[in-house]
């Protein structure tokens, strides 16, 4: 009777009896990277789908930053991207990102430029090979313009002329598979997204039944999921992810609390401004009344002066006429 390890390595279809929820999904970046570095057929097929290539256009694909099973992931290897050189020089960097750290635009640009700048000494600029930066994101990068598969290139914003075809950044939003276009479906990009988002072995079998490469991926995925060392690293990555999410939630809560306080302060400031305007209006009214009183006082003073003059005249006349006061 074959042992469990022999059964696992027996080949295609070994996942067929697996049922229920998957212990770790391919959104786990450790498992995602292990799949792509373990299975060349899957890696090449994914590259062809993403870049709209035919299978014969990707002759070779070498992962330049593999991770060794059993080797502990440290802070130095905390970003588990898959950096691949294919067709003797072209580069593609693929990464699975679940937590929105609010830095993906800058981070993906940095990765793309870093690969693009990797020119050998003495090599001519025109010989630089194409560089592709790909991010599978489990969140929407631009909520105001949601899209399933987006490609960004250097471009003249007035004429839409592409500056170079040798540098591009691509984003697959795993939360927007429903927005996949007919072109996305023709190149099976939506199918890859469903594989990476699958939560149960029933979903995996359904995908595998539709496509030989998906069956190949399912077989490798099952082999990986049965390796205790890989499960331990997947757990460590999940634990890190939970801590990151908890930190993000705390940050969001703090930002929301600050926003609410800012709003409260803005309301109070507006109330104070209104009260200040009321006080200014009342002060202007008082100043107007004070001016009126001053004017009346001046009139009264003039009248008093006029009466005093009259009294003087009357007293003078009385004195001339000998009329007693």
Protein backbone atom coordinates (compact mmCIF):
# COMPACT_ATOMS: atom_id res chain seq x y z
CA UNK A 1 0.00 0.00 0.00
CA UNK A 2 1.49 3.37 -1.03
CA UNK A 3 2.12 5.85 1.75
CA UNK A 4 0.65 9.36 1.83
CA UNK A 5 3.73 10.99 0.27
CA UNK A 6 3.70 8.52 -2.66
CA UNK A 7 0.02 9.26 -3.21
CA UNK A 8 0.68 13.00 -3.27
CA UNK A 9 3.42 12.63 -5.87
CA UNK A 10 1.47 10.19 -8.06
CA UNK A 11 0.46 12.94 -10.52
CA UNK A 12 -2.59 14.60 -11.94
CA UNK A 13 -5.88 14.29 -10.09
CA UNK A 14 -4.47 13.89 -6.59
CA UNK A 15 -6.66 16.79 -5.42
CA UNK A 16 -9.89 15.14 -6.57
CA UNK A 17 -10.79 13.73 -3.16
CA UNK A 18 -10.06 16.98 -1.31
CA UNK A 19 -13.25 18.65 -0.08
CA UNK A 20 -14.39 21.66 1.86
CA UNK A 21 -12.55 24.90 2.63
CA UNK A 22 -8.90 25.18 1.65
CA UNK A 23 -6.62 25.62 4.62
CA UNK A 24 -4.70 28.36 2.80
CA UNK A 25 -5.75 30.18 -0.34
CA UNK A 26 -3.51 31.48 -3.10
CA UNK A 27 -4.05 35.01 -1.85
CA UNK A 28 -1.46 33.91 0.70
CA UNK A 29 1.65 35.37 -0.93
CA UNK A 30 3.91 32.55 0.31
CA UNK A 31 1.73 29.86 -1.26
CA UNK A 32 1.29 32.02 -4.37
CA UNK A 33 5.06 32.31 -4.83
CA UNK A 34 5.67 28.63 -4.15
CA UNK A 35 3.15 27.67 -6.83
CA UNK A 36 4.76 29.87 -9.48
CA UNK A 37 8.34 28.88 -8.69
CA UNK A 38 7.45 25.19 -8.36
CA UNK A 39 5.51 24.78 -11.62
CA UNK A 40 7.10 26.15 -14.81
CA UNK A 41 4.05 25.29 -16.93
CA UNK A 42 1.78 27.32 -14.65
CA UNK A 43 4.24 30.23 -14.53
CA UNK A 44 4.59 30.37 -18.34
CA UNK A 45 0.84 30.06 -18.86
CA UNK A 46 0.17 32.89 -16.40
CA UNK A 47 2.71 35.12 -18.16
CA UNK A 48 1.09 34.36 -21.53
CA UNK A 49 -2.35 35.23 -20.19
CA UNK A 50 -1.22 38.48 -18.57
CA UNK A 51 0.78 39.69 -21.58
CA UNK A 52 -1.58 38.30 -24.25
CA UNK A 53 1.17 36.06 -25.63
CA UNK A 54 0.80 32.73 -27.36
CA UNK A 55 2.49 29.74 -25.62
CA UNK A 56 5.36 29.68 -28.12
CA UNK A 57 6.22 33.31 -27.26
CA UNK A 58 7.50 32.34 -23.80
CA UNK A 59 10.35 29.94 -24.42
CA UNK A 60 11.81 30.07 -20.91
CA UNK A 61 10.98 31.57 -17.52
CA UNK A 62 13.41 31.67 -14.60
CA UNK A 63 12.44 32.88 -11.12
CA UNK A 64 15.43 34.96 -10.04
CA UNK A 65 14.42 35.25 -6.37
CA UNK A 66 13.17 31.80 -5.33
CA UNK A 67 12.49 30.88 -1.71
CA UNK A 68 13.64 27.57 -0.29
CA UNK A 69 11.07 25.43 1.49
CA UNK A 70 11.89 25.31 5.18
CA UNK A 71 13.87 28.52 5.06
CA UNK A 72 12.28 30.93 7.53
CA UNK A 73 10.84 34.14 6.15
CA UNK A 74 12.43 37.14 7.85
CA UNK A 75 11.96 40.89 7.65
CA UNK A 76 14.48 40.94 4.80
CA UNK A 77 12.22 38.73 2.69
CA UNK A 78 8.94 40.15 3.92
CA UNK A 79 7.88 41.13 0.37
CA UNK A 80 7.33 37.88 -1.50
CA UNK A 81 7.25 39.06 -5.09
CA UNK A 82 8.01 36.71 -7.99
CA UNK A 83 10.72 38.18 -10.19
CA UNK A 84 11.05 36.34 -13.50
CA UNK A 85 13.42 36.66 -16.44
CA UNK A 86 12.00 35.15 -19.62
CA UNK A 87 12.92 34.99 -23.28
CA UNK A 88 16.55 35.85 -22.54
CA UNK A 89 16.07 39.21 -20.92
CA UNK A 90 12.49 40.38 -20.58
CA UNK A 91 11.43 40.74 -16.95
CA UNK A 92 8.14 40.40 -15.18
CA UNK A 93 7.61 41.03 -11.48
CA UNK A 94 4.43 39.47 -10.06
CA UNK A 95 3.11 40.10 -6.57
CA UNK A 96 0.07 39.15 -4.54
CA UNK A 97 -1.08 41.97 -2.26
CA UNK A 98 -4.05 41.54 0.08
CA UNK A 99 -3.70 44.45 2.52
CA UNK A 100 -4.09 47.96 1.14
CA UNK A 101 -1.03 49.68 2.60
CA UNK A 102 -1.88 52.82 0.58
CA UNK A 103 1.45 52.81 -1.21
CA UNK A 104 0.90 50.53 -4.18
CA UNK A 105 1.28 53.19 -6.87
CA UNK A 106 4.68 54.22 -5.53
CA UNK A 107 5.78 50.69 -4.70
CA UNK A 108 4.88 49.17 -8.07
CA UNK A 109 6.53 52.09 -9.88
CA UNK A 110 9.71 51.54 -7.86
CA UNK A 111 9.78 47.81 -8.69
CA UNK A 112 9.22 48.49 -12.40
CA UNK A 113 11.92 51.15 -12.57
CA UNK A 114 14.36 49.01 -10.59
CA UNK A 115 14.01 46.18 -13.11
CA UNK A 116 14.14 48.57 -16.04
CA UNK A 117 17.36 50.13 -14.77
CA UNK A 118 19.11 46.76 -14.60
CA UNK A 119 21.26 47.41 -17.68
CA UNK A 120 24.51 45.52 -18.09
CA UNK A 121 27.67 47.63 -18.33
CA UNK A 122 28.40 48.53 -21.94
CA UNK A 123 24.94 47.49 -23.12
CA UNK A 124 23.16 49.85 -25.50
CA UNK A 125 19.98 51.55 -24.33
CA UNK A 126 18.04 50.31 -27.34
CA UNK A 127 18.78 46.74 -26.26
CA UNK A 128 16.92 47.11 -22.97
CA UNK A 129 14.36 44.32 -22.73
CA UNK A 130 10.70 44.94 -21.82
CA UNK A 131 9.76 45.10 -18.13
CA UNK A 132 6.31 44.26 -16.79
CA UNK A 133 5.15 44.95 -13.23
CA UNK A 134 2.04 42.97 -12.24
CA UNK A 135 0.07 43.25 -9.02
CA UNK A 136 -2.78 40.95 -8.01
CA UNK A 137 -4.62 43.14 -5.52
CA UNK A 138 -7.39 41.97 -3.22
CA UNK A 139 -8.67 45.54 -2.96
CA UNK A 140 -9.66 48.33 -5.33
CA UNK A 141 -6.81 50.76 -5.93
CA UNK A 142 -8.95 53.54 -7.43
CA UNK A 143 -12.52 53.26 -6.07
CA UNK A 144 -13.71 56.10 -8.33
CA UNK A 145 -12.64 54.13 -11.44
CA UNK A 146 -12.96 50.40 -10.64
CA UNK A 147 -11.58 47.98 -13.23
CA UNK A 148 -10.63 44.29 -13.34
CA UNK A 149 -7.45 44.40 -15.44
CA UNK A 150 -5.66 47.72 -15.96
CA UNK A 151 -2.47 48.51 -17.86
CA UNK A 152 -0.50 51.71 -17.27
CA UNK A 153 2.22 53.07 -19.55
CA UNK A 154 4.18 56.28 -20.03
CA UNK A 155 2.07 58.42 -22.33
CA UNK A 156 1.68 61.95 -23.66
CA UNK A 157 -1.46 63.19 -21.89
CA UNK A 158 -2.37 65.47 -24.81
CA UNK A 159 -1.94 63.12 -27.76
CA UNK A 160 -2.14 59.74 -25.95
CA UNK A 161 1.05 58.73 -27.76
CA UNK A 162 2.83 55.90 -25.92
CA UNK A 163 6.35 56.98 -24.94
CA UNK A 164 7.70 53.40 -24.79
CA UNK A 165 6.23 49.91 -25.00
CA UNK A 166 9.07 48.52 -22.90
CA UNK A 167 7.71 49.54 -19.49
CA UNK A 168 4.23 48.84 -18.14
CA UNK A 169 2.47 48.41 -14.81
CA UNK A 170 -0.51 46.08 -14.67
CA UNK A 171 -3.11 45.60 -11.96
CA UNK A 172 -5.61 42.79 -11.53
CA UNK A 173 -8.33 43.64 -9.00
CA UNK A 174 -9.38 40.31 -7.48
CA UNK A 175 -12.50 41.94 -6.02
CA UNK A 176 -13.78 42.99 -9.48
CA UNK A 177 -13.77 39.74 -11.48
CA UNK A 178 -17.32 40.58 -12.55
CA UNK A 179 -15.87 43.52 -14.53
CA UNK A 180 -13.69 41.25 -16.71
CA UNK A 181 -13.99 42.16 -20.39
CA UNK A 182 -14.38 39.71 -23.26
CA UNK A 183 -10.67 40.18 -23.98
CA UNK A 184 -9.83 39.34 -20.35
CA UNK A 185 -11.89 36.17 -20.65
CA UNK A 186 -10.35 35.26 -24.00
CA UNK A 187 -6.92 35.21 -22.33
CA UNK A 188 -8.28 33.43 -19.23
CA UNK A 189 -7.24 36.23 -16.88
CA UNK A 190 -10.58 35.97 -15.08
CA UNK A 191 -9.98 32.24 -14.64
CA UNK A 192 -6.61 32.87 -13.00
CA UNK A 193 -8.26 35.39 -10.70
CA UNK A 194 -10.90 32.81 -9.71
CA UNK A 195 -8.14 30.27 -9.01
CA UNK A 196 -6.30 32.71 -6.74
CA UNK A 197 -9.55 33.65 -4.95
CA UNK A 198 -10.87 30.09 -4.61
CA UNK A 199 -11.80 29.17 -1.04
CA UNK A 200 -12.84 25.52 -1.44
CA UNK A 201 -11.51 22.45 -3.23
CA UNK A 202 -14.86 22.20 -5.01
CA UNK A 203 -14.09 25.56 -6.69
CA UNK A 204 -10.61 24.29 -7.59
CA UNK A 205 -12.03 21.13 -9.20
CA UNK A 206 -14.54 23.17 -11.19
CA UNK A 207 -11.75 25.35 -12.59
CA UNK A 208 -9.51 22.32 -13.25
CA UNK A 209 -12.28 20.63 -15.22
CA UNK A 210 -12.33 23.57 -17.67
CA UNK A 211 -8.62 23.83 -18.45
CA UNK A 212 -5.59 21.52 -18.46
CA UNK A 213 -3.27 24.20 -17.06
CA UNK A 214 -5.72 24.81 -14.20
CA UNK A 215 -5.62 21.08 -13.48
CA UNK A 216 -1.82 21.24 -13.46
CA UNK A 217 -1.99 24.18 -11.04
CA UNK A 218 -4.50 22.33 -8.84
CA UNK A 219 -2.19 19.32 -8.60
CA UNK A 220 0.79 21.46 -7.55
CA UNK A 221 -1.40 23.41 -5.15
CA UNK A 222 -2.49 20.19 -3.46
CA UNK A 223 1.12 19.01 -3.18
CA UNK A 224 2.11 22.30 -1.59
CA UNK A 225 -0.82 22.25 0.82
CA UNK A 226 0.23 18.82 2.05
CA UNK A 227 3.77 19.96 2.93
CA UNK A 228 3.97 20.72 6.65
CA UNK A 229 6.87 23.15 6.20
CA UNK A 230 4.91 25.17 3.65
CA UNK A 231 1.83 25.14 5.88
CA UNK A 232 3.90 26.56 8.74
CA UNK A 233 5.15 29.43 6.56
CA UNK A 234 1.64 30.02 5.22
CA UNK A 235 0.40 30.23 8.81
CA UNK A 236 3.17 32.72 9.61
CA UNK A 237 2.17 34.82 6.61
CA UNK A 238 -1.52 34.65 7.58
CA UNK A 239 -0.60 35.71 11.11
CA UNK A 240 1.39 38.64 9.75
CA UNK A 241 -1.52 39.51 7.49
CA UNK A 242 -3.94 39.51 10.41
CA UNK A 243 -1.61 41.78 12.37
CA UNK A 244 -1.31 44.11 9.37
CA UNK A 245 -5.07 44.17 8.95
CA UNK A 246 -5.52 44.83 12.67
CA UNK A 247 -3.00 47.68 12.43
CA UNK A 248 -4.78 49.06 9.36
CA UNK A 249 -8.13 48.84 11.17
CA UNK A 250 -6.66 50.73 14.15
CA UNK A 251 -5.24 53.35 11.81
CA UNK A 252 -8.59 53.65 10.02
CA UNK A 253 -10.42 53.93 13.34
CA UNK A 254 -7.98 56.60 14.51
CA UNK A 255 -8.30 58.45 11.22
CA UNK A 256 -12.08 58.23 11.42
CA UNK A 257 -12.03 59.46 15.02
CA UNK A 258 -9.76 62.35 14.00
CA UNK A 259 -12.03 63.12 11.05
CA UNK A 260 -15.06 63.14 13.36
CA UNK A 261 -13.24 65.43 15.81
CA UNK A 262 -12.19 67.67 12.94
CA UNK A 263 -15.81 67.81 11.83
CA UNK A 264 -16.97 68.60 15.37
CA UNK A 265 -14.33 71.32 15.64
CA UNK A 266 -15.37 72.67 12.23
CA UNK A 267 -19.01 72.82 13.40
CA UNK A 268 -17.99 74.53 16.65
CA UNK A 269 -15.75 76.91 14.73
CA UNK A 270 -18.65 77.73 12.43
CA UNK A 271 -20.89 78.30 15.45
CA UNK A 272 -18.26 80.57 16.99
CA UNK A 273 -17.92 82.45 13.71
CA UNK A 274 -21.71 82.89 13.61
CA UNK A 275 -21.72 84.13 17.20
CA UNK A 276 -18.81 86.41 16.42
CA UNK A 277 -20.73 87.81 13.45
CA UNK A 278 -23.78 88.32 15.70
CA UNK A 279 -21.61 90.11 18.27
CA UNK A 280 -20.05 92.22 15.52
CA UNK A 281 -23.54 93.11 14.26
CA UNK A 282 -24.66 94.01 17.79
CA UNK A 283 -21.47 96.01 18.29
CA UNK A 284 -22.17 97.88 15.04
CA UNK A 285 -25.73 98.53 16.25
CA UNK A 286 -24.42 99.81 19.58
CA UNK A 287 -21.88 101.97 17.78
CA UNK A 288 -24.67 103.37 15.59
CA UNK A 289 -26.84 104.07 18.64
CA UNK A 290 -23.84 105.64 20.39
CA UNK A 291 -23.29 107.85 17.36
CA UNK A 292 -26.98 108.81 17.41
CA UNK A 293 -26.75 109.65 21.12
CA UNK A 294 -23.62 111.67 20.52
CA UNK A 295 -25.39 113.56 17.72
CA UNK A 296 -28.39 114.23 19.98
CA UNK A 297 -26.08 115.28 22.78
CA UNK A 298 -24.35 117.70 20.42
CA UNK A 299 -27.77 119.09 19.36
CA UNK A 300 -28.76 119.50 23.00
CA UNK A 301 -25.48 121.25 23.73
CA UNK A 302 -26.14 123.61 20.80
CA UNK A 303 -29.65 124.28 22.10
CA UNK A 304 -28.26 124.88 25.60
CA UNK A 305 -25.79 127.37 24.13
CA UNK A 306 -28.57 129.05 22.16
CA UNK A 307 -30.74 129.29 25.30
CA UNK A 308 -27.81 130.66 27.29
CA UNK A 309 -27.30 133.33 24.61
CA UNK A 310 -30.99 134.18 24.74
CA UNK A 311 -30.84 134.42 28.53
CA UNK A 312 -27.92 136.83 28.21
CA UNK A 313 -29.80 138.97 25.70
CA UNK A 314 -32.92 139.01 27.89
CA UNK A 315 -30.85 139.91 30.97
CA UNK A 316 -29.15 142.74 29.03
CA UNK A 317 -32.52 144.14 27.85
CA UNK A 318 -33.93 143.91 31.34
CA UNK A 319 -30.95 145.82 32.66
CA UNK A 320 -31.39 148.56 30.04
CA UNK A 321 -35.10 148.89 30.71
CA UNK A 322 -34.62 148.80 34.50
CA UNK A 323 -36.77 145.76 34.80
CA UNK A 324 -35.85 143.85 37.93
CA UNK A 325 -34.73 140.25 37.42
